[in-house]
Amino acid sequence: MPLPTRLTAPLAALACLAAVGVATIHPARAASQIRVVVNGEPITSNEIAERARLLRLTSRTSAASIERAATEELVEEKLKLQEAKRVGVSANDQQVEAAFASIAGRLKISPAQLAAGLAHQGIGAKGLKDRLRVQIVWQQLVVGRFNHSVTISDSQIVDALSKKESAGKAPAAKGDGKTVEYTLKQVVLVVPKQGGNEAARMREAEALRSRVTSCDQLLAEVKPLDRAVVKNLGKRTADEMPEQFRGLLGDVQPGHLAKPMRTPLGVELIAVCDRRDLGGDFTVRSQVEDELRQKEGEVFARRYINDLRRIAVIDYRR
């Protein structure tokens, strides 16, 4: 699993400490007290103090707010682990050890040397491993829920790519692939299962097609028809549409209707309200899609933890 790079650079100093074989220094520990209870599970003052020392190495949090940041991070970790337990998600020791070893590898030291460098700062290797364990299970939770509830449409990719092109920030295309983006509406002429006359509905559809020359007049033309509805399909690229529709739209000009089709509902027509040809490249589009998914994923993850906080019982003690 990809490891957070923000942990790596600040920990680089530990490589030097470990390499010269510094003596291990353990800060004097005061009697540990319960500072927060999260859904019945305690967080102690010693846990907060150790996490604060880790944050000093791995973030730019100011000294004035370091304890508060450590406390809130531990609170969220409790919530994440509780949620993981509820849905049956876990990280095994091998995954955690691999993540720890990966950080050590980036620093060009051994896991033992990394542990020694952490100990010199009064941080047990277990503290970093616990943090990595939470990151692993949280990633699994977010990815699992995100993939089921969030989709990135081709139209979103096209819009993002267009903005990048306008700003001169789009990646260089490696090919000359093209696609078409349509703005569409759908007309459905319902044919009842009992007593429906499909041939008559096809004639109505062809007559409608001959009259309509603009999407602005579509509703007015369809309204007098019996059992007929208009649906707004919005923007769709050719790749997003059902295969049976793709071949129908190639020669349809904006404002006009494609040939009517028989469907389980009756007779359907697609109106092309607008279209634009888009140059592109699969690699470039994939890169833009990845960027969009990452941004959407960050928003989703923050909403997820906020939802967990909202329903949690969190008791702060002083």
C-alpha atoms as a PDB file:
ATOM      1  CA  MET A   1       0.000   0.000   0.000  1.00  0.00           C
ATOM      2  CA  PRO A   2       1.334   3.508  -0.716  1.00  0.00           C
ATOM      3  CA  LEU A   3       2.728   5.112   2.401  1.00  0.00           C
ATOM      4  CA  PRO A   4       2.200   8.755   3.347  1.00  0.00           C
ATOM      5  CA  THR A   5       5.241  10.664   2.116  1.00  0.00           C
ATOM      6  CA  ARG A   6       4.681  13.309   4.790  1.00  0.00           C
ATOM      7  CA  LEU A   7       6.029  10.780   7.296  1.00  0.00           C
ATOM      8  CA  THR A   8       9.215  10.137   5.353  1.00  0.00           C
ATOM      9  CA  ALA A   9      11.010  13.475   5.042  1.00  0.00           C
ATOM     10  CA  PRO A  10      10.740  14.568   8.695  1.00  0.00           C
ATOM     11  CA  LEU A  11      11.829  11.107   9.826  1.00  0.00           C
ATOM     12  CA  ALA A  12      14.977  11.385   7.729  1.00  0.00           C
ATOM     13  CA  ALA A  13      16.708  12.985  10.696  1.00  0.00           C
ATOM     14  CA  LEU A  14      16.219   9.724  12.552  1.00  0.00           C
ATOM     15  CA  ALA A  15      18.392   7.958   9.992  1.00  0.00           C
ATOM     16  CA  CYS A  16      21.329  10.108  11.037  1.00  0.00           C
ATOM     17  CA  LEU A  17      20.629   9.535  14.709  1.00  0.00           C
ATOM     18  CA  ALA A  18      20.425   5.773  14.215  1.00  0.00           C
ATOM     19  CA  ALA A  19      23.502   5.646  11.994  1.00  0.00           C
ATOM     20  CA  VAL A  20      25.813   7.184  14.610  1.00  0.00           C
ATOM     21  CA  GLY A  21      24.463   4.909  17.307  1.00  0.00           C
ATOM     22  CA  VAL A  22      23.143   7.514  19.718  1.00  0.00           C
ATOM     23  CA  ALA A  23      22.053   6.466  23.155  1.00  0.00           C
ATOM     24  CA  THR A  24      18.366   5.856  23.656  1.00  0.00           C
ATOM     25  CA  ILE A  25      16.710   8.579  25.712  1.00  0.00           C
ATOM     26  CA  HIS A  26      13.383   8.018  27.396  1.00  0.00           C
ATOM     27  CA  PRO A  27      11.617  11.134  28.706  1.00  0.00           C
ATOM     28  CA  ALA A  28      10.515  10.865  32.300  1.00  0.00           C
ATOM     29  CA  ARG A  29       6.942   9.598  32.387  1.00  0.00           C
ATOM     30  CA  ALA A  30       4.413  11.140  34.707  1.00  0.00           C
ATOM     31  CA  ALA A  31       1.572   9.054  36.051  1.00  0.00           C
ATOM     32  CA  SER A  32      -0.746   8.430  33.130  1.00  0.00           C
ATOM     33  CA  GLN A  33      -4.257   9.808  33.341  1.00  0.00           C
ATOM     34  CA  ILE A  34      -7.328   9.273  31.196  1.00  0.00           C
ATOM     35  CA  ARG A  35      -7.792  12.414  29.118  1.00  0.00           C
ATOM     36  CA  VAL A  36     -10.500  11.365  26.639  1.00  0.00           C
ATOM     37  CA  VAL A  37     -13.036   8.548  26.440  1.00  0.00           C
ATOM     38  CA  VAL A  38     -14.278   7.690  22.942  1.00  0.00           C
ATOM     39  CA  ASN A  39     -17.352   5.451  22.932  1.00  0.00           C
ATOM     40  CA  GLY A  40     -16.138   3.909  26.159  1.00  0.00           C
ATOM     41  CA  GLU A  41     -12.477   3.512  25.103  1.00  0.00           C
ATOM     42  CA  PRO A  42      -9.879   5.648  26.939  1.00  0.00           C
ATOM     43  CA  ILE A  43      -7.025   7.771  25.607  1.00  0.00           C
ATOM     44  CA  THR A  44      -4.343   8.492  28.213  1.00  0.00           C
ATOM     45  CA  SER A  45      -2.099  11.474  28.812  1.00  0.00           C
ATOM     46  CA  ASN A  46       0.966   9.341  28.044  1.00  0.00           C
ATOM     47  CA  GLU A  47      -0.500   8.314  24.685  1.00  0.00           C
ATOM     48  CA  ILE A  48      -1.143  11.971  23.849  1.00  0.00           C
ATOM     49  CA  ALA A  49       2.383  12.994  24.926  1.00  0.00           C
ATOM     50  CA  GLU A  50       3.998  10.308  22.762  1.00  0.00           C
ATOM     51  CA  ARG A  51       1.820  11.175  19.770  1.00  0.00           C
ATOM     52  CA  ALA A  52       2.741  14.841  20.233  1.00  0.00           C
ATOM     53  CA  ARG A  53       6.430  13.906  20.009  1.00  0.00           C
ATOM     54  CA  LEU A  54       5.727  11.981  16.803  1.00  0.00           C
ATOM     55  CA  LEU A  55       3.807  14.926  15.339  1.00  0.00           C
ATOM     56  CA  ARG A  56       6.751  17.224  16.012  1.00  0.00           C
ATOM     57  CA  LEU A  57       8.786  14.991  13.697  1.00  0.00           C
ATOM     58  CA  THR A  58       6.171  14.395  11.027  1.00  0.00           C
ATOM     59  CA  SER A  59       4.228  17.645  10.705  1.00  0.00           C
ATOM     60  CA  ARG A  60       4.505  21.403  10.846  1.00  0.00           C
ATOM     61  CA  THR A  61       2.059  21.751  13.689  1.00  0.00           C
ATOM     62  CA  SER A  62       2.966  24.676  15.931  1.00  0.00           C
ATOM     63  CA  ALA A  63       4.177  23.948  19.457  1.00  0.00           C
ATOM     64  CA  ALA A  64       1.149  25.761  20.913  1.00  0.00           C
ATOM     65  CA  SER A  65      -1.316  23.411  19.250  1.00  0.00           C
ATOM     66  CA  ILE A  66       0.700  20.192  19.179  1.00  0.00           C
ATOM     67  CA  GLU A  67      -1.042  18.594  22.163  1.00  0.00           C
ATOM     68  CA  ARG A  68      -4.477  19.429  20.826  1.00  0.00           C
ATOM     69  CA  ALA A  69      -3.551  18.063  17.393  1.00  0.00           C
ATOM     70  CA  ALA A  70      -2.231  14.863  18.990  1.00  0.00           C
ATOM     71  CA  THR A  71      -5.419  14.483  21.019  1.00  0.00           C
ATOM     72  CA  GLU A  72      -7.727  14.950  18.033  1.00  0.00           C
ATOM     73  CA  GLU A  73      -5.675  12.575  15.902  1.00  0.00           C
ATOM     74  CA  LEU A  74      -5.958   9.873  18.570  1.00  0.00           C
ATOM     75  CA  VAL A  75      -9.704  10.505  18.916  1.00  0.00           C
ATOM     76  CA  GLU A  76     -10.179  10.038  15.179  1.00  0.00           C
ATOM     77  CA  GLU A  77      -8.016   6.931  15.212  1.00  0.00           C
ATOM     78  CA  LYS A  78     -10.254   5.413  17.898  1.00  0.00           C
ATOM     79  CA  LEU A  79     -13.308   6.166  15.758  1.00  0.00           C
ATOM     80  CA  LYS A  80     -11.686   4.684  12.659  1.00  0.00           C
ATOM     81  CA  LEU A  81     -10.672   1.480  14.432  1.00  0.00           C
ATOM     82  CA  GLN A  82     -14.115   1.140  15.998  1.00  0.00           C
ATOM     83  CA  GLU A  83     -15.728   1.554  12.581  1.00  0.00           C
ATOM     84  CA  ALA A  84     -13.303  -0.965  11.082  1.00  0.00           C
ATOM     85  CA  LYS A  85     -14.215  -3.477  13.789  1.00  0.00           C
ATOM     86  CA  ARG A  86     -17.923  -2.863  13.178  1.00  0.00           C
ATOM     87  CA  VAL A  87     -17.692  -3.666   9.461  1.00  0.00           C
ATOM     88  CA  GLY A  88     -15.064  -6.402   9.792  1.00  0.00           C
ATOM     89  CA  VAL A  89     -12.047  -4.636   8.276  1.00  0.00           C
ATOM     90  CA  SER A  90      -8.581  -5.193   9.735  1.00  0.00           C
ATOM     91  CA  ALA A  91      -4.860  -4.899   9.004  1.00  0.00           C
ATOM     92  CA  ASN A  92      -2.658  -7.851   9.897  1.00  0.00           C
ATOM     93  CA  ASP A  93       0.783  -7.553  11.479  1.00  0.00           C
ATOM     94  CA  GLN A  94       2.510  -8.401   8.205  1.00  0.00           C
ATOM     95  CA  GLN A  95       0.917  -5.381   6.492  1.00  0.00           C
ATOM     96  CA  VAL A  96       1.953  -3.094   9.338  1.00  0.00           C
ATOM     97  CA  GLU A  97       5.515  -4.426   9.432  1.00  0.00           C
ATOM     98  CA  ALA A  98       5.765  -4.036   5.658  1.00  0.00           C
ATOM     99  CA  ALA A  99       4.619  -0.417   5.922  1.00  0.00           C
ATOM    100  CA  PHE A 100       7.160   0.246   8.701  1.00  0.00           C
ATOM    101  CA  ALA A 101       9.941  -1.408   6.670  1.00  0.00           C
ATOM    102  CA  SER A 102       8.950   0.654   3.628  1.00  0.00           C
ATOM    103  CA  ILE A 103       9.507   3.881   5.545  1.00  0.00           C
ATOM    104  CA  ALA A 104      12.871   2.594   6.722  1.00  0.00           C
ATOM    105  CA  GLY A 105      13.746   1.664   3.135  1.00  0.00           C
ATOM    106  CA  ARG A 106      12.986   5.171   1.918  1.00  0.00           C
ATOM    107  CA  LEU A 107      15.339   6.496   4.571  1.00  0.00           C
ATOM    108  CA  LYS A 108      17.963   3.937   3.474  1.00  0.00           C
ATOM    109  CA  ILE A 109      18.159   2.395   6.930  1.00  0.00           C
ATOM    110  CA  SER A 110      16.970  -0.847   8.462  1.00  0.00           C
ATOM    111  CA  PRO A 111      13.726  -1.169  10.429  1.00  0.00           C
ATOM    112  CA  ALA A 112      15.830  -1.691  13.555  1.00  0.00           C
ATOM    113  CA  GLN A 113      17.661   1.577  12.935  1.00  0.00           C
ATOM    114  CA  LEU A 114      14.374   3.379  12.391  1.00  0.00           C
ATOM    115  CA  ALA A 115      13.080   1.985  15.679  1.00  0.00           C
ATOM    116  CA  ALA A 116      16.277   3.169  17.397  1.00  0.00           C
ATOM    117  CA  GLY A 117      15.925   6.662  15.947  1.00  0.00           C
ATOM    118  CA  LEU A 118      12.331   6.852  17.152  1.00  0.00           C
ATOM    119  CA  ALA A 119      13.341   5.630  20.618  1.00  0.00           C
ATOM    120  CA  HIS A 120      15.933   8.414  20.819  1.00  0.00           C
ATOM    121  CA  GLN A 121      13.057  10.864  20.444  1.00  0.00           C
ATOM    122  CA  GLY A 122      11.035   9.133  23.152  1.00  0.00           C
ATOM    123  CA  ILE A 123       8.728   7.438  20.646  1.00  0.00           C
ATOM    124  CA  GLY A 124       8.172   3.709  20.702  1.00  0.00           C
ATOM    125  CA  ALA A 125       8.197   1.955  17.346  1.00  0.00           C
ATOM    126  CA  LYS A 126       4.761   0.670  18.336  1.00  0.00           C
ATOM    127  CA  GLY A 127       3.448   4.246  18.290  1.00  0.00           C
ATOM    128  CA  LEU A 128       4.313   4.661  14.608  1.00  0.00           C
ATOM    129  CA  LYS A 129       3.116   1.153  13.799  1.00  0.00           C
ATOM    130  CA  ASP A 130      -0.217   1.842  15.487  1.00  0.00           C
ATOM    131  CA  ARG A 131      -0.580   4.939  13.355  1.00  0.00           C
ATOM    132  CA  LEU A 132       0.236   2.960  10.209  1.00  0.00           C
ATOM    133  CA  ARG A 133      -2.290   0.271  11.165  1.00  0.00           C
ATOM    134  CA  VAL A 134      -5.039   2.891  11.376  1.00  0.00           C
ATOM    135  CA  GLN A 135      -4.037   4.362   8.015  1.00  0.00           C
ATOM    136  CA  ILE A 136      -4.213   0.925   6.392  1.00  0.00           C
ATOM    137  CA  VAL A 137      -7.684   0.040   7.728  1.00  0.00           C
ATOM    138  CA  TRP A 138      -9.029   3.535   7.062  1.00  0.00           C
ATOM    139  CA  GLN A 139      -7.887   3.359   3.455  1.00  0.00           C
ATOM    140  CA  GLN A 140      -9.742   0.063   3.095  1.00  0.00           C
ATOM    141  CA  LEU A 141     -12.882   1.536   4.669  1.00  0.00           C
ATOM    142  CA  VAL A 142     -12.856   4.657   2.507  1.00  0.00           C
ATOM    143  CA  VAL A 143     -12.091   2.804  -0.726  1.00  0.00           C
ATOM    144  CA  GLY A 144     -14.807   0.247  -0.005  1.00  0.00           C
ATOM    145  CA  ARG A 145     -17.517   2.828   0.624  1.00  0.00           C
ATOM    146  CA  PHE A 146     -16.230   5.342  -1.940  1.00  0.00           C
ATOM    147  CA  ASN A 147     -16.315   2.850  -4.819  1.00  0.00           C
ATOM    148  CA  HIS A 148     -19.932   1.964  -4.014  1.00  0.00           C
ATOM    149  CA  SER A 149     -21.259   5.497  -3.626  1.00  0.00           C
ATOM    150  CA  VAL A 150     -19.132   7.818  -5.797  1.00  0.00           C
ATOM    151  CA  THR A 151     -18.609   7.667  -9.542  1.00  0.00           C
ATOM    152  CA  ILE A 152     -16.545   9.888 -11.795  1.00  0.00           C
ATOM    153  CA  SER A 153     -18.391  10.442 -15.075  1.00  0.00           C
ATOM    154  CA  ASP A 154     -16.760  11.047 -18.436  1.00  0.00           C
ATOM    155  CA  SER A 155     -18.340  14.489 -18.458  1.00  0.00           C
ATOM    156  CA  GLN A 156     -16.537  15.389 -15.217  1.00  0.00           C
ATOM    157  CA  ILE A 157     -13.275  14.224 -16.766  1.00  0.00           C
ATOM    158  CA  VAL A 158     -13.942  16.236 -19.905  1.00  0.00           C
ATOM    159  CA  ASP A 159     -14.744  19.386 -17.917  1.00  0.00           C
ATOM    160  CA  ALA A 160     -11.626  19.006 -15.770  1.00  0.00           C
ATOM    161  CA  LEU A 161      -9.472  18.422 -18.836  1.00  0.00           C
ATOM    162  CA  SER A 162     -10.984  21.450 -20.572  1.00  0.00           C
ATOM    163  CA  LYS A 163     -10.173  23.638 -17.562  1.00  0.00           C
ATOM    164  CA  LYS A 164      -6.611  22.369 -17.532  1.00  0.00           C
ATOM    165  CA  GLU A 165      -6.282  23.046 -21.249  1.00  0.00           C
ATOM    166  CA  SER A 166      -7.650  26.576 -20.796  1.00  0.00           C
ATOM    167  CA  ALA A 167      -5.140  27.204 -18.025  1.00  0.00           C
ATOM    168  CA  GLY A 168      -2.316  25.630 -20.011  1.00  0.00           C
ATOM    169  CA  LYS A 169      -1.840  22.900 -17.404  1.00  0.00           C
ATOM    170  CA  ALA A 170      -3.111  19.862 -19.259  1.00  0.00           C
ATOM    171  CA  PRO A 171      -0.674  16.945 -19.642  1.00  0.00           C
ATOM    172  CA  ALA A 172       0.690  16.514 -23.125  1.00  0.00           C
ATOM    173  CA  ALA A 173      -1.374  14.078 -25.166  1.00  0.00           C
ATOM    174  CA  LYS A 174       0.443  11.066 -26.587  1.00  0.00           C
ATOM    175  CA  GLY A 175      -2.157  10.190 -29.189  1.00  0.00           C
ATOM    176  CA  ASP A 176      -4.859  11.680 -31.354  1.00  0.00           C
ATOM    177  CA  GLY A 177      -7.884   9.878 -29.894  1.00  0.00           C
ATOM    178  CA  LYS A 178     -11.158  11.742 -30.062  1.00  0.00           C
ATOM    179  CA  THR A 179     -14.515  11.551 -28.391  1.00  0.00           C
ATOM    180  CA  VAL A 180     -17.802  13.417 -28.603  1.00  0.00           C
ATOM    181  CA  GLU A 181     -19.726  14.981 -25.729  1.00  0.00           C
ATOM    182  CA  TYR A 182     -23.493  15.269 -26.186  1.00  0.00           C
ATOM    183  CA  THR A 183     -26.130  17.222 -24.282  1.00  0.00           C
ATOM    184  CA  LEU A 184     -29.185  14.980 -24.526  1.00  0.00           C
ATOM    185  CA  LYS A 185     -32.879  14.626 -23.824  1.00  0.00           C
ATOM    186  CA  GLN A 186     -34.928  11.473 -24.120  1.00  0.00           C
ATOM    187  CA  VAL A 187     -38.509  11.140 -25.345  1.00  0.00           C
ATOM    188  CA  VAL A 188     -40.476   8.052 -24.351  1.00  0.00           C
ATOM    189  CA  LEU A 189     -43.747   7.197 -26.089  1.00  0.00           C
ATOM    190  CA  VAL A 190     -45.200   4.495 -23.872  1.00  0.00           C
ATOM    191  CA  VAL A 191     -46.842   1.471 -25.526  1.00  0.00           C
ATOM    192  CA  PRO A 192     -49.211  -0.298 -23.063  1.00  0.00           C
ATOM    193  CA  LYS A 193     -48.719  -4.040 -22.792  1.00  0.00           C
ATOM    194  CA  GLN A 194     -52.454  -4.564 -23.198  1.00  0.00           C
ATOM    195  CA  GLY A 195     -53.987  -3.052 -26.309  1.00  0.00           C
ATOM    196  CA  GLY A 196     -50.982  -0.957 -27.296  1.00  0.00           C
ATOM    197  CA  ASN A 197     -50.467  -0.088 -30.938  1.00  0.00           C
ATOM    198  CA  GLU A 198     -46.718   0.010 -31.547  1.00  0.00           C
ATOM    199  CA  ALA A 199     -47.035   0.828 -35.231  1.00  0.00           C
ATOM    200  CA  ALA A 200     -49.133   3.904 -34.436  1.00  0.00           C
ATOM    201  CA  ARG A 201     -46.583   5.038 -31.853  1.00  0.00           C
ATOM    202  CA  MET A 202     -43.782   4.673 -34.397  1.00  0.00           C
ATOM    203  CA  ARG A 203     -45.706   6.922 -36.772  1.00  0.00           C
ATOM    204  CA  GLU A 204     -46.149   9.476 -33.969  1.00  0.00           C
ATOM    205  CA  ALA A 205     -42.427   9.300 -33.268  1.00  0.00           C
ATOM    206  CA  GLU A 206     -41.491   9.864 -36.919  1.00  0.00           C
ATOM    207  CA  ALA A 207     -43.921  12.812 -37.150  1.00  0.00           C
ATOM    208  CA  LEU A 208     -42.434  14.299 -33.975  1.00  0.00           C
ATOM    209  CA  ARG A 209     -38.957  13.857 -35.385  1.00  0.00           C
ATOM    210  CA  SER A 210     -39.881  15.763 -38.535  1.00  0.00           C
ATOM    211  CA  ARG A 211     -41.315  18.699 -36.556  1.00  0.00           C
ATOM    212  CA  VAL A 212     -38.600  19.235 -33.937  1.00  0.00           C
ATOM    213  CA  THR A 213     -35.658  21.426 -34.899  1.00  0.00           C
ATOM    214  CA  SER A 214     -34.738  22.737 -31.449  1.00  0.00           C
ATOM    215  CA  CYS A 215     -34.656  21.301 -27.935  1.00  0.00           C
ATOM    216  CA  ASP A 216     -36.428  24.453 -26.770  1.00  0.00           C
ATOM    217  CA  GLN A 217     -39.603  23.349 -28.596  1.00  0.00           C
ATOM    218  CA  LEU A 218     -39.412  19.707 -27.498  1.00  0.00           C
ATOM    219  CA  LEU A 219     -41.659  19.945 -24.432  1.00  0.00           C
ATOM    220  CA  ALA A 220     -44.333  21.874 -26.308  1.00  0.00           C
ATOM    221  CA  GLU A 221     -44.353  19.305 -29.137  1.00  0.00           C
ATOM    222  CA  VAL A 222     -44.496  16.290 -26.800  1.00  0.00           C
ATOM    223  CA  LYS A 223     -47.113  17.661 -24.373  1.00  0.00           C
ATOM    224  CA  PRO A 224     -50.169  16.985 -26.596  1.00  0.00           C
ATOM    225  CA  LEU A 225     -49.134  13.352 -27.123  1.00  0.00           C
ATOM    226  CA  ASP A 226     -50.763  10.657 -25.001  1.00  0.00           C
ATOM    227  CA  ARG A 227     -48.537   8.809 -22.532  1.00  0.00           C
ATOM    228  CA  ALA A 228     -45.380  10.622 -23.574  1.00  0.00           C
ATOM    229  CA  VAL A 229     -42.593  11.948 -21.342  1.00  0.00           C
ATOM    230  CA  VAL A 230     -39.368  13.914 -21.782  1.00  0.00           C
ATOM    231  CA  LYS A 231     -36.326  13.144 -19.646  1.00  0.00           C
ATOM    232  CA  ASN A 232     -33.238  15.326 -19.310  1.00  0.00           C
ATOM    233  CA  LEU A 233     -30.160  13.102 -19.711  1.00  0.00           C
ATOM    234  CA  GLY A 234     -27.645  15.936 -19.337  1.00  0.00           C
ATOM    235  CA  LYS A 235     -24.137  15.684 -20.729  1.00  0.00           C
ATOM    236  CA  ARG A 236     -22.858  12.293 -21.864  1.00  0.00           C
ATOM    237  CA  THR A 237     -19.824  11.275 -23.853  1.00  0.00           C
ATOM    238  CA  ALA A 238     -20.165   8.571 -26.480  1.00  0.00           C
ATOM    239  CA  ASP A 239     -18.448   6.066 -24.172  1.00  0.00           C
ATOM    240  CA  GLU A 240     -21.000   6.658 -21.407  1.00  0.00           C
ATOM    241  CA  MET A 241     -24.072   5.907 -23.490  1.00  0.00           C
ATOM    242  CA  PRO A 242     -25.668   2.493 -23.996  1.00  0.00           C
ATOM    243  CA  GLU A 243     -24.216   0.844 -27.069  1.00  0.00           C
ATOM    244  CA  GLN A 244     -27.531   0.849 -28.954  1.00  0.00           C
ATOM    245  CA  PHE A 245     -27.617   4.657 -28.863  1.00  0.00           C
ATOM    246  CA  ARG A 246     -24.054   5.347 -30.009  1.00  0.00           C
ATOM    247  CA  GLY A 247     -24.588   4.569 -33.661  1.00  0.00           C
ATOM    248  CA  LEU A 248     -27.805   6.590 -33.804  1.00  0.00           C
ATOM    249  CA  LEU A 249     -26.284   9.933 -32.853  1.00  0.00           C
ATOM    250  CA  GLY A 250     -23.340  10.211 -35.210  1.00  0.00           C
ATOM    251  CA  ASP A 251     -25.212  12.139 -37.920  1.00  0.00           C
ATOM    252  CA  VAL A 252     -27.787  13.904 -35.736  1.00  0.00           C
ATOM    253  CA  GLN A 253     -27.388  17.669 -35.704  1.00  0.00           C
ATOM    254  CA  PRO A 254     -28.029  19.729 -32.539  1.00  0.00           C
ATOM    255  CA  GLY A 255     -31.735  20.416 -32.061  1.00  0.00           C
ATOM    256  CA  HIS A 256     -32.858  17.274 -33.849  1.00  0.00           C
ATOM    257  CA  LEU A 257     -34.043  13.815 -32.842  1.00  0.00           C
ATOM    258  CA  ALA A 258     -32.383  10.512 -33.671  1.00  0.00           C
ATOM    259  CA  LYS A 259     -34.333   7.687 -35.301  1.00  0.00           C
ATOM    260  CA  PRO A 260     -36.948   6.147 -32.999  1.00  0.00           C
ATOM    261  CA  MET A 261     -36.143   2.860 -31.293  1.00  0.00           C
ATOM    262  CA  ARG A 262     -38.358   0.113 -29.941  1.00  0.00           C
ATOM    263  CA  THR A 263     -37.648  -0.566 -26.264  1.00  0.00           C
ATOM    264  CA  PRO A 264     -39.402  -2.474 -23.462  1.00  0.00           C
ATOM    265  CA  LEU A 265     -41.226   0.748 -22.542  1.00  0.00           C
ATOM    266  CA  GLY A 266     -42.433   1.495 -26.036  1.00  0.00           C
ATOM    267  CA  VAL A 267     -40.809   3.836 -28.548  1.00  0.00           C
ATOM    268  CA  GLU A 268     -37.913   6.092 -27.555  1.00  0.00           C
ATOM    269  CA  LEU A 269     -36.111   8.946 -29.282  1.00  0.00           C
ATOM    270  CA  ILE A 270     -32.942  10.768 -28.248  1.00  0.00           C
ATOM    271  CA  ALA A 271     -32.720  14.529 -28.843  1.00  0.00           C
ATOM    272  CA  VAL A 272     -29.277  16.021 -29.374  1.00  0.00           C
ATOM    273  CA  CYS A 273     -29.407  19.488 -27.829  1.00  0.00           C
ATOM    274  CA  ASP A 274     -25.680  20.163 -28.201  1.00  0.00           C
ATOM    275  CA  ARG A 275     -22.507  18.333 -29.169  1.00  0.00           C
ATOM    276  CA  ARG A 276     -18.811  19.047 -29.183  1.00  0.00           C
ATOM    277  CA  ASP A 277     -15.845  17.103 -30.496  1.00  0.00           C
ATOM    278  CA  LEU A 278     -13.109  16.546 -27.977  1.00  0.00           C
ATOM    279  CA  GLY A 279      -9.511  15.679 -28.653  1.00  0.00           C
ATOM    280  CA  GLY A 280      -7.920  13.470 -26.060  1.00  0.00           C
ATOM    281  CA  ASP A 281      -5.633  10.642 -25.095  1.00  0.00           C
ATOM    282  CA  PHE A 282      -6.421   7.650 -22.914  1.00  0.00           C
ATOM    283  CA  THR A 283      -3.348   8.150 -20.721  1.00  0.00           C
ATOM    284  CA  VAL A 284      -4.125  11.828 -20.203  1.00  0.00           C
ATOM    285  CA  ARG A 285      -7.767  11.108 -19.405  1.00  0.00           C
ATOM    286  CA  SER A 286      -6.744   8.406 -16.924  1.00  0.00           C
ATOM    287  CA  GLN A 287      -4.416  10.849 -15.198  1.00  0.00           C
ATOM    288  CA  VAL A 288      -7.164  13.458 -14.925  1.00  0.00           C
ATOM    289  CA  GLU A 289      -9.612  10.821 -13.670  1.00  0.00           C
ATOM    290  CA  ASP A 290      -7.119   9.763 -10.983  1.00  0.00           C
ATOM    291  CA  GLU A 291      -6.783  13.380  -9.868  1.00  0.00           C
ATOM    292  CA  LEU A 292     -10.561  13.760  -9.669  1.00  0.00           C
ATOM    293  CA  ARG A 293     -10.932  10.507  -7.742  1.00  0.00           C
ATOM    294  CA  GLN A 294      -8.257  11.596  -5.285  1.00  0.00           C
ATOM    295  CA  LYS A 295      -9.980  14.921  -4.647  1.00  0.00           C
ATOM    296  CA  GLU A 296     -13.391  13.295  -4.330  1.00  0.00           C
ATOM    297  CA  GLY A 297     -11.875  10.652  -2.082  1.00  0.00           C
ATOM    298  CA  GLU A 298     -10.415  13.268   0.267  1.00  0.00           C
ATOM    299  CA  VAL A 299     -13.782  14.998   0.546  1.00  0.00           C
ATOM    300  CA  PHE A 300     -15.518  11.653   1.077  1.00  0.00           C
ATOM    301  CA  ALA A 301     -13.036  10.590   3.791  1.00  0.00           C
ATOM    302  CA  ARG A 302     -13.486  13.849   5.701  1.00  0.00           C
ATOM    303  CA  ARG A 303     -17.278  13.526   5.487  1.00  0.00           C
ATOM    304  CA  TYR A 304     -17.022   9.919   6.664  1.00  0.00           C
ATOM    305  CA  ILE A 305     -15.005  10.770   9.795  1.00  0.00           C
ATOM    306  CA  ASN A 306     -17.250  13.752  10.508  1.00  0.00           C
ATOM    307  CA  ASP A 307     -20.254  11.416  10.418  1.00  0.00           C
ATOM    308  CA  LEU A 308     -18.515   9.081  12.872  1.00  0.00           C
ATOM    309  CA  ARG A 309     -17.740  11.993  15.191  1.00  0.00           C
ATOM    310  CA  ARG A 310     -21.311  13.231  15.067  1.00  0.00           C
ATOM    311  CA  ILE A 311     -22.768   9.983  16.382  1.00  0.00           C
ATOM    312  CA  ALA A 312     -19.945   9.234  18.834  1.00  0.00           C
ATOM    313  CA  VAL A 313     -19.911   9.817  22.580  1.00  0.00           C
ATOM    314  CA  ILE A 314     -16.637  11.667  23.252  1.00  0.00           C
ATOM    315  CA  ASP A 315     -15.847  12.706  26.825  1.00  0.00           C
ATOM    316  CA  TYR A 316     -12.912  15.146  27.178  1.00  0.00           C
ATOM    317  CA  ARG A 317     -11.422  15.287  30.654  1.00  0.00           C
ATOM    318  CA  ARG A 318      -8.973  17.718  32.223  1.00  0.00           C
END
